[in-house]
Amino acid sequence: MPLFRVLDEAVLRRKRKGNVEWKKTSRRPDDNGSVLSLTRLCMLRVADNMKEEVWVKDYADKYLDQGPFNLLRGDIVEELMLLLCSRNRLSRTALHLLLVPQLRSLSLESCPGLVTPALCGHISARCQGLLNLDLSGAQQLSVKVLCETLHSLSNLHWLCLAGIPCDRFVIKTITLCCRLLRHLDVSRCHLLSPSALLPLGGGPCCPSSPSPNGSSSHCTSPSQSSISSPSSSSALSPLPLRSLLALDIGFEEKEGDSVAAAAYLLLSLPSLERLALEGLTQACSLIEQKQFWQVEEFTSREGVPRLEDLWRDRSKQQANGWKQMRTRDRKEVEDEEEEGSGFWEESGSESEENVRDKELVSSEDQTEEKLSSRSDLILQLRDVRGLTCDSLDSFARVCPSISSLSVNVTDDDESVGGQKQSSVLAAGLQSYTGQMRSLSVQFPGTLTDLFPALKVSGPSLVSLTLEGVKTSTDTRLLEVITMCHRLRELAISAEPPTIARGTHDRERIHDDGNLPKLPHLSSLSINFSYEHNQPKPHMSWMSLKRVLWCLLNGSPLLQKVSLVSLPCPLDSVLLRVLQVSDPAGSPPLPLARLQHINLLRTDVTMLTLKKLIDRSKNLMLAAAGISVSMSGGP
């Protein structure tokens, strides 16, 4: 049956009724302002028919297991599913219709209520070629159902189980059955203890999950290989994980288990580049100082290889890698010299440029020899989350390639080695000067205290997130913009400002030519906390209007904006930004590319919203995120 078959009379009547809406949809430009492709237009039409139960009814009446979508390419089905999710039109029946064998990626994060044991059985039966699967938030699934589902998905490269009832049996099933896995997210899985993650690093082969009759299910894979284990001769090699996210999981069984488990995973997973784990900073300090005796009781209790043995094996691999790299580079230099030998014989001498090149190669060889001969182990981590300020110096020595960092800084009154934690953070970031691209800081102190850290890493940052910071009417937000001029994403979650004694905050929006700009910014979020019984924010920070003008007017690429419970009027700022003209040859108009906006608990009026929608044709107002007027309440 063709995908767009002749419809019956009732469907045709519904079609005529929806003609006006379809004409509007068909003229809608793409995210970048260009006209929609024919494929996109067809998918929009199919999505509309899904809502009217055209395809769902036809599937239920005639096909059940084999429908017309089996004829489409997997990537088109994936895009159609994402489109339905974004419009809240994906029903359980429609989902069954779209679970086709050619599907390679399946994300149900936005509709976890649709994920049931029956649906998982359907996924296991029909989508065994899946490479990427996201079941995050699916609370209805039991451990047994999860294990049975994963048992059939041996080709998975990317798996997200965040926030679901996942325990050590699920981890063992993943280790046994998903031998190609590169990314695993088990964040917010509160049934998981830190030691339950150990099978990911290899070890004794053991039953994965209990079956109804009390037996155990196993997976076999040709990629499984043996490693030394103190408790079993039959063992699995580590998974080739490059990314492991496991923050906010269950409690440790004994004090210190989080640090020991983190150290074990760091040493046993050689491909790790992205890691989110409790106790990570202390684990790197333990590895850097080689204090493996502290966790011998843990490794003996869990039946895994000793950390000292793992460290020795990784160090040998690192030394061999440096030797191979140096041999390869020398061979390339020798080949280049042989190719150019005839020329040098004719010319009789080498050019100054060639001499400098040889000196550079010699210098690089000496650097590599120093690195290959050093006894310290270098980890390949580039993106880490869950760090604390203590032992940041040890962390920097073990992980020198970091470009993305998430740090939790406790109360700044607590000192580390006699220094404030904000000062320790700034000193720790010195090791990554010029290479840090993303920085996220949870800090309960004043925003001004973070300025030294931002001065160190700000010039290279493209993403900055500041959570829980305190502000006052004297806080100099413009300095953050000046220090981080390359930002593409800026998110600030702050406490309402306190008013300094003897100060009067004045409203100032002038000297536009001297204000800093963020020309590359595409996502902006400035949200202030509030009490739900509080009728409206106190307008105490009038000079914040100048900062908002700077950000909204000086960032023409903005696509996503969230401004919540601002302690200053916003309507007048938006009106002024929308009055900016469009001279010939100028960059895009401010807010012209806006796609999403949240203005909860602000004074923005309907008139301003109408002008904003006229400026940006792609704008979708966030549901329950618009306050028509402060007098009317949110």
Foldseek 3Di string as FASTA:
>chain_A
DDPDDDDDPVVVVVCVVCVVVLVVVQQFDDLVRHHDDPLVSVLVVVLVVLQVCPQLVCCVVPPVQDDPLLPDAQVSLVVSVVVCLVVVRDDLSNVSVSLAQNHAEDACPSPLVSDALVVLVSCLVGHLNYAYYHNEPNARDDQVSLLVSLQSNQNYAYYEHEQYQYELLNLLSCLFRNQNYAEYAHEQNARYALLSNLCLLKEANDFRDADPVRDGDGHHDPQFDADDFPPDRHMGHHRQYQEYHYHNYHYHPDPPSQLVSLLSCQLRHQNHAYYEGANNLVNLVCQQVVVQVVCPVVCVVSRGDRSVVSLVVQLVVLLVVLVVVLVVVVVVVVVVCVVCVVVCVVVVDDDPVVVVVVVVNVVVSVVSVVVSPDSRAAGNYAAYENAELPNLVSVCVNYVNHQAYEYEYEAQVDDDPPHGSLVSLLVSCLSCAPRHAYYAYEYQEAPVSNVSNLLRHQCRYQYYHYANHAAALPDDVQVSCVSNQAYQYYAYEYEDHDYDPPDAADADADPLVPGHANQNHAEEYYEYDDDPPDLAAALRRNPVLNVVLRYQQRHQNHAYYEYERDSHADQVSLVVLLPDDDDPPDDHRGLQSYAEYAYYRHAHAPVSVVSSCVSHVNYDYDVNRDDHGSVVGD
